[in-house]
Amino acid sequence: MAAPRGRVKSPKDCHERALGLLAVRPRSRQELERRLSAAGFEREEVDDVLGRLEGVGLIDDLAFAQQLAAHQFDNKRAGSRAVASALAAKGVPRSVSDEVLEGAALGDQARAVELAVSKAMRMRGLAPEKAFTRLVGLLARRGYGPGIARSAARRALDLQAYGDEG
């Protein structure tokens, strides 16, 4: 009798599916668990396969989180809050996320200023108030807190006259 549609029958299939997912890009254990469960694999089978893959180092939530955080910080110039959100969305455990982000907030000001300066150059034709508002909004969307966003925007636009009420 054939297995019901959407349900798979051998651990090898689960293992191959997990390897295929990892071949596309690194993933967290929870992300793989969700994908394999959604593909119809039994919970015990998924746990067994993921345990074996962790044992040989193909699943490593800490290394995955470090890689994702570095990409977010370096390429997207995201703030700590945005990176924490991205890690949570990928299923990285809070304890691992906290370990990876420890001290990262200390660099938020410098990253925010760097991003604000790069974007401010494109806003030269705008009124200073409008450019300030746009920069603060951009920085907030990238995960920087309100104080850091306002400070970085002021610094980038050299608007020392604007107070925190911005």
Protein backbone atom coordinates (compact mmCIF):
# COMPACT_ATOMS: atom_id res chain seq x y z
CA MET A 1 0.00 0.00 0.00
CA ALA A 2 1.38 3.41 -0.96
CA ALA A 3 2.06 6.08 1.63
CA PRO A 4 -0.60 8.80 1.75
CA ARG A 5 0.15 11.80 -0.42
CA GLY A 6 2.31 14.34 1.41
CA ARG A 7 3.62 11.71 3.83
CA VAL A 8 7.03 10.15 3.34
CA LYS A 9 8.14 6.77 4.51
CA SER A 10 11.87 6.37 5.03
CA PRO A 11 14.43 8.14 7.24
CA LYS A 12 16.75 8.31 4.26
CA ASP A 13 14.23 10.53 2.50
CA CYS A 14 14.11 12.83 5.52
CA HIS A 15 17.91 12.92 5.67
CA GLU A 16 18.17 13.68 1.97
CA ARG A 17 15.57 16.44 2.26
CA ALA A 18 17.45 18.00 5.18
CA LEU A 19 20.74 17.87 3.25
CA GLY A 20 19.02 19.42 0.24
CA LEU A 21 17.73 22.29 2.37
CA LEU A 22 21.18 22.82 3.86
CA ALA A 23 22.73 22.78 0.38
CA VAL A 24 20.68 25.85 -0.54
CA ARG A 25 21.78 27.86 2.50
CA PRO A 26 22.63 27.38 6.18
CA ARG A 27 19.57 27.01 8.44
CA SER A 28 18.80 26.84 12.13
CA ARG A 29 17.67 23.59 13.71
CA GLN A 30 14.17 24.97 14.27
CA GLU A 31 13.89 26.17 10.68
CA LEU A 32 14.84 22.70 9.41
CA GLU A 33 12.46 21.08 11.88
CA ARG A 34 9.56 23.23 10.61
CA ARG A 35 10.36 22.52 6.96
CA LEU A 36 10.72 18.77 7.44
CA SER A 37 7.56 18.54 9.53
CA ALA A 38 5.66 20.52 6.91
CA ALA A 39 6.94 18.06 4.30
CA GLY A 40 5.16 15.28 6.19
CA PHE A 41 7.99 13.60 8.06
CA GLU A 42 7.22 12.13 11.47
CA ARG A 43 8.46 13.99 14.53
CA GLU A 44 10.70 11.15 15.73
CA GLU A 45 12.25 10.79 12.31
CA VAL A 46 12.94 14.53 12.08
CA ASP A 47 14.47 14.62 15.58
CA ASP A 48 16.72 11.67 14.73
CA VAL A 49 17.94 13.20 11.46
CA LEU A 50 18.52 16.61 12.99
CA GLY A 51 20.38 15.07 15.91
CA ARG A 52 22.70 13.24 13.53
CA LEU A 53 23.29 16.38 11.46
CA GLU A 54 24.10 18.35 14.60
CA GLY A 55 26.47 15.59 15.67
CA VAL A 56 28.53 15.97 12.50
CA GLY A 57 28.40 19.79 12.58
CA LEU A 58 26.06 20.38 9.65
CA ILE A 59 23.58 22.09 11.95
CA ASP A 60 25.10 24.63 14.32
CA ASP A 61 22.76 27.33 15.58
CA LEU A 62 25.60 29.42 17.01
CA ALA A 63 27.59 29.45 13.76
CA PHE A 64 24.39 30.11 11.79
CA ALA A 65 23.45 33.02 14.07
CA GLN A 66 26.94 34.52 13.85
CA GLN A 67 26.87 34.32 10.06
CA LEU A 68 23.39 35.84 9.80
CA ALA A 69 24.25 38.62 12.27
CA ALA A 70 27.45 39.47 10.40
CA HIS A 71 25.52 39.69 7.13
CA GLN A 72 22.85 41.91 8.69
CA PHE A 73 25.41 44.21 10.34
CA ASP A 74 27.86 44.42 7.45
CA ASN A 75 25.72 44.27 4.32
CA LYS A 76 22.40 45.68 5.47
CA ARG A 77 23.90 47.93 8.15
CA ALA A 78 21.08 46.86 10.45
CA GLY A 79 20.77 47.75 14.11
CA SER A 80 20.85 45.24 16.96
CA ARG A 81 17.07 45.19 17.29
CA ALA A 82 16.60 44.27 13.62
CA VAL A 83 19.25 41.55 13.84
CA ALA A 84 17.62 40.10 16.96
CA SER A 85 14.30 40.03 15.10
CA ALA A 86 15.89 38.33 12.07
CA LEU A 87 17.48 35.68 14.28
CA ALA A 88 14.17 35.00 16.03
CA ALA A 89 12.40 34.72 12.67
CA LYS A 90 14.91 32.07 11.60
CA GLY A 91 14.28 30.04 14.75
CA VAL A 92 17.51 30.78 16.57
CA PRO A 93 17.03 30.14 20.31
CA ARG A 94 16.99 33.28 22.46
CA SER A 95 20.05 32.17 24.45
CA VAL A 96 22.08 31.79 21.23
CA SER A 97 20.80 35.11 19.90
CA ASP A 98 21.74 36.86 23.15
CA GLU A 99 25.23 35.35 22.99
CA VAL A 100 25.74 36.50 19.39
CA LEU A 101 24.39 39.99 20.03
CA GLU A 102 26.27 40.53 23.28
CA GLY A 103 28.01 43.86 22.88
CA ALA A 104 26.62 44.47 19.40
CA ALA A 105 24.50 47.38 20.61
CA LEU A 106 27.74 49.19 21.43
CA GLY A 107 28.40 49.45 17.70
CA ASP A 108 24.90 50.60 16.80
CA GLN A 109 25.77 54.31 17.00
CA ALA A 110 28.70 53.99 14.59
CA ARG A 111 26.73 51.81 12.15
CA ALA A 112 23.78 54.22 12.29
CA VAL A 113 25.97 57.22 11.55
CA GLU A 114 27.68 55.40 8.68
CA LEU A 115 24.31 54.49 7.15
CA ALA A 116 22.87 57.96 7.74
CA VAL A 117 25.88 59.67 6.13
CA SER A 118 25.66 57.43 3.06
CA LYS A 119 21.94 58.17 2.66
CA ALA A 120 22.19 61.90 3.52
CA MET A 121 24.24 62.56 0.44
CA ARG A 122 21.23 61.63 -1.70
CA MET A 123 19.02 64.04 0.23
CA ARG A 124 20.93 67.25 -0.47
CA GLY A 125 18.05 68.78 -2.43
CA LEU A 126 15.53 68.28 0.38
CA ALA A 127 14.70 70.72 3.13
CA PRO A 128 16.74 69.86 6.23
CA GLU A 129 13.62 69.00 8.25
CA LYS A 130 12.38 66.60 5.57
CA ALA A 131 15.80 64.96 5.18
CA PHE A 132 16.04 64.58 8.97
CA THR A 133 12.60 62.94 9.17
CA ARG A 134 13.41 60.57 6.33
CA LEU A 135 16.74 59.56 7.82
CA VAL A 136 15.24 58.95 11.25
CA GLY A 137 12.52 56.80 9.64
CA LEU A 138 15.06 54.82 7.62
CA LEU A 139 17.21 54.19 10.67
CA ALA A 140 14.20 53.13 12.74
CA ARG A 141 13.18 50.64 10.03
CA ARG A 142 16.71 49.24 10.07
CA GLY A 143 16.41 48.48 13.77
CA TYR A 144 18.01 51.46 15.47
CA GLY A 145 16.40 52.91 18.56
CA PRO A 146 14.82 56.38 18.41
CA GLY A 147 17.66 58.14 20.27
CA ILE A 148 20.35 56.60 18.11
CA ALA A 149 18.35 57.30 14.93
CA ARG A 150 17.88 61.00 15.79
CA SER A 151 21.49 61.43 16.87
CA ALA A 152 22.87 59.76 13.73
CA ALA A 153 20.55 61.76 11.46
CA ARG A 154 21.61 65.03 13.14
CA ARG A 155 25.24 64.10 12.82
CA ALA A 156 24.88 63.07 9.19
CA LEU A 157 23.05 66.26 8.28
CA ASP A 158 25.13 68.38 10.62
CA LEU A 159 21.94 69.61 12.21
CA GLN A 160 23.02 70.34 15.73
CA ALA A 161 20.17 72.87 15.95
CA TYR A 162 17.59 70.07 15.88
CA GLY A 163 16.83 68.75 19.33
CA ASP A 164 15.49 65.31 20.21
CA GLU A 165 11.95 66.44 19.44
CA GLY A 166 12.86 65.99 15.69
